Structure formats: structure tokens, C-alpha cells
Amino acid sequence: MKFEKKYILYLVVTFILCYAILANWENGTDIVRTIYKTSLPFLYGAAGAYIVNIVMSAYEKAYVYAFKGSLLVLKVKRGICMLLAYLT
């Protein structure tokens, strides 16, 4: 079995990378914890927006069905349905 130089280089780089990760484990966990805590409000906001969008879509369908003919009432559909979704 013949070893090529690039495979030996990959092995050495992988070993050094694993050693660096294990030697600095505390710093790495602190970084991951900080990123997680920072991104948590954005994840909560995305989940809330997803839920409100489902409710708002149902209200929009009912609103369009109830006010078919009036153009002025249909223009404010999005705002009214969003308000109803948040109140629900």
C-alpha cells in the first residue's frame, strides 16, 4: 500500500484540528452558547410569525368571502386580519 503525500497531509491537518478543538474545549462551548443565546429571540420571532400567518390566512379567506363586492374594504384586508390574528 503506497501512501500519497496529500493523504498524509490530510491526516496531519485532521489530527492538529482535533487536538486544537480538544485543547480549547471551554472556549468553543462558550462561543456556541453565546451564538445560541443570541439567536434564540430570532427563532422565537420566526415561530410566532409562522403561527400568526396561519391564523391570518384563515381570517383573510373569511374576510374576502364576507366582503366580496366592496373594493375599499378589501384594501384594508391585510391590516384588519393581522389585528384579528394577534387578538386571537
PDB file of N, CA and C in Angstrom:
ATOM      1  N   MET A   1       0.848  -1.168   0.000  1.00  0.00           N
ATOM      2  CA  MET A   1       0.000   0.000   0.000  1.00  0.00           C
ATOM      3  C   MET A   1       0.897   1.236   0.000  1.00  0.00           C
ATOM      4  N   LYS A   2       0.680   2.082  -0.974  1.00  0.00           N
ATOM      5  CA  LYS A   2       1.514   3.265  -1.137  1.00  0.00           C
ATOM      6  C   LYS A   2       0.769   4.492  -0.618  1.00  0.00           C
ATOM      7  N   PHE A   3       1.408   5.231   0.275  1.00  0.00           N
ATOM      8  CA  PHE A   3       0.808   6.450   0.805  1.00  0.00           C
ATOM      9  C   PHE A   3       1.182   7.627  -0.083  1.00  0.00           C
ATOM     10  N   GLU A   4       0.180   8.421  -0.363  1.00  0.00           N
ATOM     11  CA  GLU A   4       0.453   9.641  -1.115  1.00  0.00           C
ATOM     12  C   GLU A   4       0.629  10.792  -0.139  1.00  0.00           C
ATOM     13  N   LYS A   5       1.335  11.819  -0.581  1.00  0.00           N
ATOM     14  CA  LYS A   5       1.634  12.949   0.298  1.00  0.00           C
ATOM     15  C   LYS A   5       0.374  13.689   0.723  1.00  0.00           C
ATOM     16  N   LYS A   6      -0.609  13.797  -0.175  1.00  0.00           N
ATOM     17  CA  LYS A   6      -1.804  14.568   0.184  1.00  0.00           C
ATOM     18  C   LYS A   6      -2.619  13.859   1.265  1.00  0.00           C
ATOM     19  N   TYR A   7      -2.615  12.519   1.282  1.00  0.00           N
ATOM     20  CA  TYR A   7      -3.342  11.801   2.321  1.00  0.00           C
ATOM     21  C   TYR A   7      -2.650  11.946   3.676  1.00  0.00           C
ATOM     22  N   ILE A   8      -1.336  11.958   3.659  1.00  0.00           N
ATOM     23  CA  ILE A   8      -0.598  12.185   4.899  1.00  0.00           C
ATOM     24  C   ILE A   8      -0.852  13.602   5.397  1.00  0.00           C
ATOM     25  N   LEU A   9      -0.907  14.560   4.486  1.00  0.00           N
ATOM     26  CA  LEU A   9      -1.198  15.943   4.859  1.00  0.00           C
ATOM     27  C   LEU A   9      -2.601  16.054   5.452  1.00  0.00           C
ATOM     28  N   TYR A  10      -3.589  15.394   4.848  1.00  0.00           N
ATOM     29  CA  TYR A  10      -4.959  15.390   5.390  1.00  0.00           C
ATOM     30  C   TYR A  10      -4.985  14.804   6.800  1.00  0.00           C
ATOM     31  N   LEU A  11      -4.248  13.732   7.009  1.00  0.00           N
ATOM     32  CA  LEU A  11      -4.200  13.086   8.309  1.00  0.00           C
ATOM     33  C   LEU A  11      -3.579  14.009   9.363  1.00  0.00           C
ATOM     34  N   VAL A  12      -2.492  14.671   9.005  1.00  0.00           N
ATOM     35  CA  VAL A  12      -1.823  15.580   9.941  1.00  0.00           C
ATOM     36  C   VAL A  12      -2.716  16.772  10.262  1.00  0.00           C
ATOM     37  N   VAL A  13      -3.348  17.356   9.248  1.00  0.00           N
ATOM     38  CA  VAL A  13      -4.235  18.503   9.462  1.00  0.00           C
ATOM     39  C   VAL A  13      -5.424  18.095  10.325  1.00  0.00           C
ATOM     40  N   THR A  14      -5.998  16.932  10.087  1.00  0.00           N
ATOM     41  CA  THR A  14      -7.118  16.443  10.887  1.00  0.00           C
ATOM     42  C   THR A  14      -6.699  16.232  12.340  1.00  0.00           C
ATOM     43  N   PHE A  15      -5.522  15.658  12.543  1.00  0.00           N
ATOM     44  CA  PHE A  15      -5.026  15.448  13.899  1.00  0.00           C
ATOM     45  C   PHE A  15      -4.817  16.776  14.622  1.00  0.00           C
ATOM     46  N   ILE A  16      -4.219  17.747  13.951  1.00  0.00           N
ATOM     47  CA  ILE A  16      -3.984  19.064  14.563  1.00  0.00           C
ATOM     48  C   ILE A  16      -5.305  19.748  14.878  1.00  0.00           C
ATOM     49  N   LEU A  17      -6.262  19.641  13.977  1.00  0.00           N
ATOM     50  CA  LEU A  17      -7.575  20.250  14.196  1.00  0.00           C
ATOM     51  C   LEU A  17      -8.283  19.611  15.394  1.00  0.00           C
ATOM     52  N   CYS A  18      -8.258  18.299  15.490  1.00  0.00           N
ATOM     53  CA  CYS A  18      -8.878  17.610  16.633  1.00  0.00           C
ATOM     54  C   CYS A  18      -8.186  17.989  17.939  1.00  0.00           C
ATOM     55  N   TYR A  19      -6.867  18.085  17.917  1.00  0.00           N
ATOM     56  CA  TYR A  19      -6.136  18.486  19.121  1.00  0.00           C
ATOM     57  C   TYR A  19      -6.490  19.913  19.530  1.00  0.00           C
ATOM     58  N   ALA A  20      -6.590  20.812  18.563  1.00  0.00           N
ATOM     59  CA  ALA A  20      -6.930  22.207  18.866  1.00  0.00           C
ATOM     60  C   ALA A  20      -8.336  22.312  19.449  1.00  0.00           C
ATOM     61  N   ILE A  21      -9.255  21.525  18.919  1.00  0.00           N
ATOM     62  CA  ILE A  21     -10.629  21.541  19.442  1.00  0.00           C
ATOM     63  C   ILE A  21     -10.659  21.029  20.878  1.00  0.00           C
ATOM     64  N   LEU A  22      -9.968  19.940  21.142  1.00  0.00           N
ATOM     65  CA  LEU A  22      -9.960  19.382  22.496  1.00  0.00           C
ATOM     66  C   LEU A  22      -9.200  20.268  23.482  1.00  0.00           C
ATOM     67  N   ALA A  23      -8.146  20.921  23.030  1.00  0.00           N
ATOM     68  CA  ALA A  23      -7.364  21.783  23.919  1.00  0.00           C
ATOM     69  C   ALA A  23      -8.133  23.046  24.289  1.00  0.00           C
ATOM     70  N   ASN A  24      -8.988  23.519  23.404  1.00  0.00           N
ATOM     71  CA  ASN A  24      -9.746  24.755  23.636  1.00  0.00           C
ATOM     72  C   ASN A  24     -11.235  24.477  23.781  1.00  0.00           C
ATOM     73  N   TRP A  25     -11.586  23.386  24.416  1.00  0.00           N
ATOM     74  CA  TRP A  25     -12.987  22.973  24.513  1.00  0.00           C
ATOM     75  C   TRP A  25     -13.841  24.001  25.246  1.00  0.00           C
ATOM     76  N   GLU A  26     -13.334  24.583  26.309  1.00  0.00           N
ATOM     77  CA  GLU A  26     -14.098  25.563  27.091  1.00  0.00           C
ATOM     78  C   GLU A  26     -14.431  26.799  26.258  1.00  0.00           C
ATOM     79  N   ASN A  27     -13.468  27.290  25.515  1.00  0.00           N
ATOM     80  CA  ASN A  27     -13.718  28.466  24.674  1.00  0.00           C
ATOM     81  C   ASN A  27     -14.739  28.156  23.583  1.00  0.00           C
ATOM     82  N   GLY A  28     -14.657  26.968  23.027  1.00  0.00           N
ATOM     83  CA  GLY A  28     -15.597  26.577  21.976  1.00  0.00           C
ATOM     84  C   GLY A  28     -17.020  26.468  22.479  1.00  0.00           C
ATOM     85  N   THR A  29     -17.180  25.898  23.667  1.00  0.00           N
ATOM     86  CA  THR A  29     -18.535  25.787  24.216  1.00  0.00           C
ATOM     87  C   THR A  29     -19.090  27.156  24.578  1.00  0.00           C
ATOM     88  N   ASP A  30     -18.224  28.055  25.037  1.00  0.00           N
ATOM     89  CA  ASP A  30     -18.683  29.420  25.331  1.00  0.00           C
ATOM     90  C   ASP A  30     -19.153  30.129  24.068  1.00  0.00           C
ATOM     91  N   ILE A  31     -18.437  29.939  22.973  1.00  0.00           N
ATOM     92  CA  ILE A  31     -18.822  30.569  21.704  1.00  0.00           C
ATOM     93  C   ILE A  31     -20.150  30.013  21.216  1.00  0.00           C
ATOM     94  N   VAL A  32     -20.300  28.695  21.263  1.00  0.00           N
ATOM     95  CA  VAL A  32     -21.554  28.075  20.818  1.00  0.00           C
ATOM     96  C   VAL A  32     -22.714  28.515  21.706  1.00  0.00           C
ATOM     97  N   ARG A  33     -22.494  28.596  23.002  1.00  0.00           N
ATOM     98  CA  ARG A  33     -23.535  29.028  23.931  1.00  0.00           C
ATOM     99  C   ARG A  33     -23.937  30.483  23.659  1.00  0.00           C
ATOM    100  N   THR A  34     -22.972  31.333  23.374  1.00  0.00           N
ATOM    101  CA  THR A  34     -23.261  32.735  23.077  1.00  0.00           C
ATOM    102  C   THR A  34     -24.054  32.872  21.786  1.00  0.00           C
ATOM    103  N   ILE A  35     -23.672  32.125  20.764  1.00  0.00           N
ATOM    104  CA  ILE A  35     -24.405  32.165  19.493  1.00  0.00           C
ATOM    105  C   ILE A  35     -25.829  31.672  19.692  1.00  0.00           C
ATOM    106  N   TYR A  36     -25.999  30.620  20.473  1.00  0.00           N
ATOM    107  CA  TYR A  36     -27.334  30.080  20.734  1.00  0.00           C
ATOM    108  C   TYR A  36     -28.203  31.096  21.466  1.00  0.00           C
ATOM    109  N   LYS A  37     -27.664  31.715  22.515  1.00  0.00           N
ATOM    110  CA  LYS A  37     -28.440  32.692  23.281  1.00  0.00           C
ATOM    111  C   LYS A  37     -28.777  33.919  22.440  1.00  0.00           C
ATOM    112  N   THR A  38     -27.880  34.301  21.546  1.00  0.00           N
ATOM    113  CA  THR A  38     -28.124  35.465  20.698  1.00  0.00           C
ATOM    114  C   THR A  38     -29.192  35.183  19.653  1.00  0.00           C
ATOM    115  N   SER A  39     -29.207  33.990  19.104  1.00  0.00           N
ATOM    116  CA  SER A  39     -30.157  33.674  18.036  1.00  0.00           C
ATOM    117  C   SER A  39     -31.524  33.235  18.551  1.00  0.00           C
ATOM    118  N   LEU A  40     -31.657  32.975  19.837  1.00  0.00           N
ATOM    119  CA  LEU A  40     -32.922  32.499  20.388  1.00  0.00           C
ATOM    120  C   LEU A  40     -34.089  33.464  20.179  1.00  0.00           C
ATOM    121  N   PRO A  41     -33.948  34.778  20.379  1.00  0.00           N
ATOM    122  CA  PRO A  41     -35.079  35.675  20.111  1.00  0.00           C
ATOM    123  C   PRO A  41     -35.534  35.656  18.651  1.00  0.00           C
ATOM    124  N   PHE A  42     -34.589  35.494  17.730  1.00  0.00           N
ATOM    125  CA  PHE A  42     -34.961  35.420  16.320  1.00  0.00           C
ATOM    126  C   PHE A  42     -35.743  34.144  16.024  1.00  0.00           C
ATOM    127  N   LEU A  43     -35.360  33.047  16.656  1.00  0.00           N
ATOM    128  CA  LEU A  43     -36.094  31.795  16.465  1.00  0.00           C
ATOM    129  C   LEU A  43     -37.499  31.887  17.049  1.00  0.00           C
ATOM    130  N   TYR A  44     -37.635  32.520  18.227  1.00  0.00           N
ATOM    131  CA  TYR A  44     -38.958  32.725  18.811  1.00  0.00           C
ATOM    132  C   TYR A  44     -39.815  33.611  17.910  1.00  0.00           C
ATOM    133  N   GLY A  45     -39.224  34.647  17.365  1.00  0.00           N
ATOM    134  CA  GLY A  45     -39.964  35.542  16.476  1.00  0.00           C
ATOM    135  C   GLY A  45     -40.420  34.841  15.210  1.00  0.00           C
ATOM    136  N   ALA A  46     -39.559  34.013  14.634  1.00  0.00           N
ATOM    137  CA  ALA A  46     -39.929  33.275  13.429  1.00  0.00           C
ATOM    138  C   ALA A  46     -41.056  32.288  13.717  1.00  0.00           C
ATOM    139  N   ALA A  47     -41.006  31.623  14.858  1.00  0.00           N
ATOM    140  CA  ALA A  47     -42.070  30.686  15.225  1.00  0.00           C
ATOM    141  C   ALA A  47     -43.385  31.419  15.449  1.00  0.00           C
ATOM    142  N   GLY A  48     -43.329  32.564  16.111  1.00  0.00           N
ATOM    143  CA  GLY A  48     -44.544  33.355  16.330  1.00  0.00           C
ATOM    144  C   GLY A  48     -45.138  33.863  15.033  1.00  0.00           C
ATOM    145  N   ALA A  49     -44.283  34.329  14.124  1.00  0.00           N
ATOM    146  CA  ALA A  49     -44.769  34.817  12.833  1.00  0.00           C
ATOM    147  C   ALA A  49     -45.406  33.691  12.022  1.00  0.00           C
ATOM    148  N   TYR A  50     -44.834  32.495  12.112  1.00  0.00           N
ATOM    149  CA  TYR A  50     -45.394  31.352  11.395  1.00  0.00           C
ATOM    150  C   TYR A  50     -46.799  31.031  11.908  1.00  0.00           C
ATOM    151  N   ILE A  51     -46.976  31.042  13.211  1.00  0.00           N
ATOM    152  CA  ILE A  51     -48.283  30.732  13.797  1.00  0.00           C
ATOM    153  C   ILE A  51     -49.299  31.818  13.468  1.00  0.00           C
ATOM    154  N   VAL A  52     -48.897  33.082  13.584  1.00  0.00           N
ATOM    155  CA  VAL A  52     -49.810  34.187  13.276  1.00  0.00           C
ATOM    156  C   VAL A  52     -50.195  34.164  11.800  1.00  0.00           C
ATOM    157  N   ASN A  53     -49.267  33.786  10.923  1.00  0.00           N
ATOM    158  CA  ASN A  53     -49.566  33.734   9.491  1.00  0.00           C
ATOM    159  C   ASN A  53     -50.629  32.684   9.179  1.00  0.00           C
ATOM    160  N   ILE A  54     -50.608  31.560   9.865  1.00  0.00           N
ATOM    161  CA  ILE A  54     -51.624  30.527   9.642  1.00  0.00           C
ATOM    162  C   ILE A  54     -53.005  31.055  10.027  1.00  0.00           C
ATOM    163  N   VAL A  55     -53.087  31.692  11.192  1.00  0.00           N
ATOM    164  CA  VAL A  55     -54.366  32.237  11.660  1.00  0.00           C
ATOM    165  C   VAL A  55     -54.826  33.361  10.737  1.00  0.00           C
ATOM    166  N   MET A  56     -53.878  34.219  10.315  1.00  0.00           N
ATOM    167  CA  MET A  56     -54.225  35.356   9.471  1.00  0.00           C
ATOM    168  C   MET A  56     -54.735  34.899   8.098  1.00  0.00           C
ATOM    169  N   SER A  57     -54.181  33.837   7.557  1.00  0.00           N
ATOM    170  CA  SER A  57     -54.654  33.320   6.270  1.00  0.00           C
ATOM    171  C   SER A  57     -56.104  32.862   6.360  1.00  0.00           C
ATOM    172  N   ALA A  58     -56.455  32.231   7.463  1.00  0.00           N
ATOM    173  CA  ALA A  58     -57.844  31.800   7.647  1.00  0.00           C
ATOM    174  C   ALA A  58     -58.774  33.004   7.747  1.00  0.00           C
ATOM    175  N   TYR A  59     -58.351  34.036   8.476  1.00  0.00           N
ATOM    176  CA  TYR A  59     -59.159  35.254   8.576  1.00  0.00           C
ATOM    177  C   TYR A  59     -59.292  35.954   7.222  1.00  0.00           C
ATOM    178  N   GLU A  60     -58.240  35.962   6.426  1.00  0.00           N
ATOM    179  CA  GLU A  60     -58.306  36.608   5.113  1.00  0.00           C
ATOM    180  C   GLU A  60     -59.310  35.904   4.206  1.00  0.00           C
ATOM    181  N   LYS A  61     -59.315  34.582   4.239  1.00  0.00           N
ATOM    182  CA  LYS A  61     -60.285  33.849   3.416  1.00  0.00           C
ATOM    183  C   LYS A  61     -61.712  34.175   3.835  1.00  0.00           C
ATOM    184  N   ALA A  62     -61.955  34.204   5.132  1.00  0.00           N
ATOM    185  CA  ALA A  62     -63.297  34.527   5.623  1.00  0.00           C
ATOM    186  C   ALA A  62     -63.657  35.978   5.318  1.00  0.00           C
ATOM    187  N   TYR A  63     -62.691  36.881   5.400  1.00  0.00           N
ATOM    188  CA  TYR A  63     -62.918  38.305   5.155  1.00  0.00           C
ATOM    189  C   TYR A  63     -63.259  38.551   3.685  1.00  0.00           C
ATOM    190  N   VAL A  64     -62.541  37.905   2.790  1.00  0.00           N
ATOM    191  CA  VAL A  64     -62.818  38.058   1.356  1.00  0.00           C
ATOM    192  C   VAL A  64     -64.189  37.490   1.027  1.00  0.00           C
ATOM    193  N   TYR A  65     -64.538  36.378   1.643  1.00  0.00           N
ATOM    194  CA  TYR A  65     -65.847  35.781   1.398  1.00  0.00           C
ATOM    195  C   TYR A  65     -66.964  36.687   1.913  1.00  0.00           C
ATOM    196  N   ALA A  66     -66.749  37.338   3.055  1.00  0.00           N
ATOM    197  CA  ALA A  66     -67.787  38.181   3.649  1.00  0.00           C
ATOM    198  C   ALA A  66     -67.960  39.501   2.899  1.00  0.00           C
ATOM    199  N   PHE A  67     -66.872  40.078   2.406  1.00  0.00           N
ATOM    200  CA  PHE A  67     -66.925  41.387   1.741  1.00  0.00           C
ATOM    201  C   PHE A  67     -66.475  41.261   0.288  1.00  0.00           C
ATOM    202  N   LYS A  68     -67.232  40.565  -0.517  1.00  0.00           N
ATOM    203  CA  LYS A  68     -66.853  40.320  -1.906  1.00  0.00           C
ATOM    204  C   LYS A  68     -66.887  41.576  -2.764  1.00  0.00           C
ATOM    205  N   GLY A  69     -67.905  42.390  -2.626  1.00  0.00           N
ATOM    206  CA  GLY A  69     -68.110  43.470  -3.578  1.00  0.00           C
ATOM    207  C   GLY A  69     -67.398  44.767  -3.272  1.00  0.00           C
ATOM    208  N   SER A  70     -67.097  45.063  -2.036  1.00  0.00           N
ATOM    209  CA  SER A  70     -66.572  46.367  -1.651  1.00  0.00           C
ATOM    210  C   SER A  70     -65.056  46.427  -1.852  1.00  0.00           C
ATOM    211  N   LEU A  71     -64.614  47.315  -2.758  1.00  0.00           N
ATOM    212  CA  LEU A  71     -63.192  47.446  -3.051  1.00  0.00           C
ATOM    213  C   LEU A  71     -62.442  48.132  -1.908  1.00  0.00           C
ATOM    214  N   LEU A  72     -63.051  49.126  -1.292  1.00  0.00           N
ATOM    215  CA  LEU A  72     -62.404  49.852  -0.199  1.00  0.00           C
ATOM    216  C   LEU A  72     -62.168  48.944   1.006  1.00  0.00           C
ATOM    217  N   VAL A  73     -63.121  48.104   1.300  1.00  0.00           N
ATOM    218  CA  VAL A  73     -62.984  47.200   2.444  1.00  0.00           C
ATOM    219  C   VAL A  73     -61.905  46.155   2.163  1.00  0.00           C
ATOM    220  N   LEU A  74     -61.780  45.708   0.910  1.00  0.00           N
ATOM    221  CA  LEU A  74     -60.766  44.714   0.565  1.00  0.00           C
ATOM    222  C   LEU A  74     -59.352  45.296   0.608  1.00  0.00           C
ATOM    223  N   LYS A  75     -59.211  46.616   0.469  1.00  0.00           N
ATOM    224  CA  LYS A  75     -57.885  47.230   0.518  1.00  0.00           C
ATOM    225  C   LYS A  75     -57.280  47.179   1.919  1.00  0.00           C
ATOM    226  N   VAL A  76     -58.099  47.210   2.930  1.00  0.00           N
ATOM    227  CA  VAL A  76     -57.598  47.180   4.305  1.00  0.00           C
ATOM    228  C   VAL A  76     -57.650  45.768   4.896  1.00  0.00           C
ATOM    229  N   LYS A  77     -57.833  44.801   4.046  1.00  0.00           N
ATOM    230  CA  LYS A  77     -57.975  43.401   4.472  1.00  0.00           C
ATOM    231  C   LYS A  77     -56.773  42.929   5.282  1.00  0.00           C
ATOM    232  N   ARG A  78     -55.578  43.192   4.817  1.00  0.00           N
ATOM    233  CA  ARG A  78     -54.370  42.672   5.458  1.00  0.00           C
ATOM    234  C   ARG A  78     -54.214  43.200   6.890  1.00  0.00           C
ATOM    235  N   GLY A  79     -54.409  44.477   7.057  1.00  0.00           N
ATOM    236  CA  GLY A  79     -54.261  45.074   8.386  1.00  0.00           C
ATOM    237  C   GLY A  79     -55.294  44.591   9.378  1.00  0.00           C
ATOM    238  N   ILE A  80     -56.539  44.522   8.936  1.00  0.00           N
ATOM    239  CA  ILE A  80     -57.613  44.070   9.829  1.00  0.00           C
ATOM    240  C   ILE A  80     -57.421  42.601  10.202  1.00  0.00           C
ATOM    241  N   CYS A  81     -57.051  41.789   9.234  1.00  0.00           N
ATOM    242  CA  CYS A  81     -56.853  40.365   9.518  1.00  0.00           C
ATOM    243  C   CYS A  81     -55.640  40.144  10.421  1.00  0.00           C
ATOM    244  N   MET A  82     -54.608  40.980  10.281  1.00  0.00           N
ATOM    245  CA  MET A  82     -53.451  40.860  11.166  1.00  0.00           C
ATOM    246  C   MET A  82     -53.828  41.237  12.597  1.00  0.00           C
ATOM    247  N   LEU A  83     -54.609  42.280  12.734  1.00  0.00           N
ATOM    248  CA  LEU A  83     -55.073  42.686  14.060  1.00  0.00           C
ATOM    249  C   LEU A  83     -55.921  41.585  14.700  1.00  0.00           C
ATOM    250  N   LEU A  84     -56.822  40.998  13.920  1.00  0.00           N
ATOM    251  CA  LEU A  84     -57.648  39.903  14.441  1.00  0.00           C
ATOM    252  C   LEU A  84     -56.801  38.689  14.828  1.00  0.00           C
ATOM    253  N   ALA A  85     -55.775  38.399  14.029  1.00  0.00           N
ATOM    254  CA  ALA A  85     -54.912  37.253  14.333  1.00  0.00           C
ATOM    255  C   ALA A  85     -54.147  37.472  15.634  1.00  0.00           C
ATOM    256  N   TYR A  86     -53.665  38.689  15.871  1.00  0.00           N
ATOM    257  CA  TYR A  86     -52.956  38.965  17.125  1.00  0.00           C
ATOM    258  C   TYR A  86     -53.897  38.959  18.321  1.00  0.00           C
ATOM    259  N   LEU A  87     -55.133  39.379  18.113  1.00  0.00           N
ATOM    260  CA  LEU A  87     -56.099  39.377  19.207  1.00  0.00           C
ATOM    261  C   LEU A  87     -56.580  37.970  19.550  1.00  0.00           C
ATOM    262  N   THR A  88     -56.451  37.063  18.603  1.00  0.00           N
ATOM    263  CA  THR A  88     -56.895  35.686  18.832  1.00  0.00           C
ATOM    264  C   THR A  88     -55.916  34.992  19.651  1.00  0.00           C
TER     265      THR A  88
END
